[in-house]
Amino acid sequence: MSAFDKSDPAVRATYDRLLLRVRRIGPVVAEEKNTSIHLKSRAAFAGVHPLKSRLDLNIVSAAPIADPRVVKREQISPSRYHNLVALSSPRDVDAQLVDWLKTAYELVS
């Protein structure tokens, strides 16, 4: 069983581009669960949740990311936040998103 079993092909293509771009930042382990994938260096810096027509990406940060692309922000500890970004196509994996992921990667490394 794969986390992508119920997803459209574009969702998998978006994930593939995301993983390609994230692995340029540094060593990354993609730890697949039943319904999600944790992207980890020393610890998880992002969570990927494949849905039918999009990926929900949770990015770890030290402060909330103030941008319209972030559809939900949740404080998970005094110094950590989850920032939810919905990705509909590989084009959504752009320089801004990669910058947020790089900051998250450095935060947990």
Protein backbone atom coordinates (compact mmCIF):
# COMPACT_ATOMS: atom_id res chain seq x y z
CA MET A 1 0.00 0.00 0.00
CA SER A 2 1.33 3.41 -0.98
CA ALA A 3 0.41 6.85 0.31
CA PHE A 4 -0.40 7.69 -3.34
CA ASP A 5 -2.88 4.86 -4.01
CA LYS A 6 -5.88 7.22 -4.16
CA SER A 7 -4.10 10.19 -5.73
CA ASP A 8 -4.19 11.56 -9.27
CA PRO A 9 -0.96 11.16 -11.29
CA ALA A 10 -0.26 14.91 -10.96
CA VAL A 11 -0.01 14.47 -7.19
CA ARG A 12 2.78 11.91 -7.59
CA ALA A 13 4.53 14.17 -10.14
CA THR A 14 4.36 17.05 -7.66
CA TYR A 15 5.87 14.87 -4.93
CA ASP A 16 8.65 13.67 -7.25
CA ARG A 17 9.61 17.27 -8.04
CA LEU A 18 9.43 18.19 -4.34
CA LEU A 19 11.72 15.32 -3.38
CA LEU A 20 14.17 16.16 -6.17
CA ARG A 21 14.41 19.79 -5.05
CA VAL A 22 14.64 18.93 -1.34
CA ARG A 23 17.47 16.45 -1.91
CA ARG A 24 19.52 19.29 -3.41
CA ILE A 25 19.48 20.92 0.05
CA GLY A 26 21.21 17.97 1.72
CA PRO A 27 20.74 14.33 2.72
CA VAL A 28 17.04 13.58 3.16
CA VAL A 29 15.22 10.42 4.19
CA ALA A 30 11.65 10.06 2.91
CA GLU A 31 9.95 7.92 5.55
CA GLU A 32 6.70 6.66 4.05
CA LYS A 33 3.75 5.88 6.31
CA ASN A 34 0.31 4.61 5.26
CA THR A 35 -1.12 8.03 4.46
CA SER A 36 1.84 10.40 4.70
CA ILE A 37 5.57 10.81 4.18
CA HIS A 38 7.97 12.43 6.64
CA LEU A 39 10.96 14.23 5.14
CA LYS A 40 13.82 13.96 7.61
CA SER A 41 17.41 15.01 8.10
CA ARG A 42 18.19 14.52 11.80
CA ALA A 43 14.50 15.00 12.54
CA ALA A 44 11.40 15.61 10.44
CA PHE A 45 11.35 19.04 8.83
CA ALA A 46 8.31 18.48 6.60
CA GLY A 47 5.30 16.21 6.32
CA VAL A 48 3.72 15.31 2.99
CA HIS A 49 0.07 14.23 2.88
CA PRO A 50 -1.06 13.02 -0.56
CA LEU A 51 -4.75 13.62 -1.22
CA LYS A 52 -6.86 12.90 -4.31
CA SER A 53 -5.96 16.05 -6.26
CA ARG A 54 -3.23 17.78 -4.24
CA LEU A 55 -0.42 17.40 -1.73
CA ASP A 56 -0.72 19.00 1.68
CA LEU A 57 2.76 19.93 2.83
CA ASN A 58 3.47 20.78 6.48
CA ILE A 59 6.69 22.74 6.89
CA VAL A 60 8.35 23.07 10.30
CA SER A 61 9.49 26.56 11.32
CA ALA A 62 10.58 28.56 14.36
CA ALA A 63 7.90 31.20 13.67
CA PRO A 64 4.71 31.18 11.61
CA ILE A 65 5.29 31.76 7.90
CA ALA A 66 3.31 34.86 6.94
CA ASP A 67 2.35 34.26 3.33
CA PRO A 68 -0.99 33.76 1.56
CA ARG A 69 0.16 30.33 0.30
CA VAL A 70 0.18 29.08 3.90
CA VAL A 71 -3.41 28.02 4.47
CA LYS A 72 -2.99 26.96 8.11
CA ARG A 73 -0.47 27.65 10.87
CA GLU A 74 -0.28 25.64 14.06
CA GLN A 75 2.01 26.17 17.04
CA ILE A 76 3.17 22.71 18.14
CA SER A 77 5.59 23.82 20.87
CA PRO A 78 6.90 27.12 22.24
CA SER A 79 9.46 27.35 19.44
CA ARG A 80 7.97 25.26 16.62
CA TYR A 81 5.20 25.75 14.10
CA HIS A 82 3.63 23.68 11.35
CA ASN A 83 2.75 25.68 8.24
CA LEU A 84 0.39 23.99 5.76
CA VAL A 85 0.82 24.65 2.05
CA ALA A 86 -1.42 22.99 -0.56
CA LEU A 87 0.42 21.94 -3.73
CA SER A 88 -1.67 21.24 -6.85
CA SER A 89 1.00 20.78 -9.50
CA PRO A 90 4.76 20.45 -9.91
CA ARG A 91 4.86 24.20 -10.73
CA ASP A 92 3.96 24.88 -7.09
CA VAL A 93 7.39 23.58 -6.07
CA ASP A 94 9.08 26.92 -6.72
CA ALA A 95 12.03 28.87 -5.28
CA GLN A 96 9.97 30.33 -2.44
CA LEU A 97 8.77 26.91 -1.29
CA VAL A 98 12.29 25.49 -1.51
CA ASP A 99 13.58 28.40 0.59
CA TRP A 100 11.04 27.58 3.31
CA LEU A 101 12.07 23.92 3.18
CA LYS A 102 15.76 24.85 3.35
CA THR A 103 15.11 26.92 6.47
CA ALA A 104 13.16 24.01 7.99
CA TYR A 105 15.95 21.58 7.10
CA GLU A 106 18.56 23.81 8.75
CA LEU A 107 16.34 24.24 11.81
CA VAL A 108 16.30 20.52 12.62
CA SER A 109 19.84 19.65 11.45
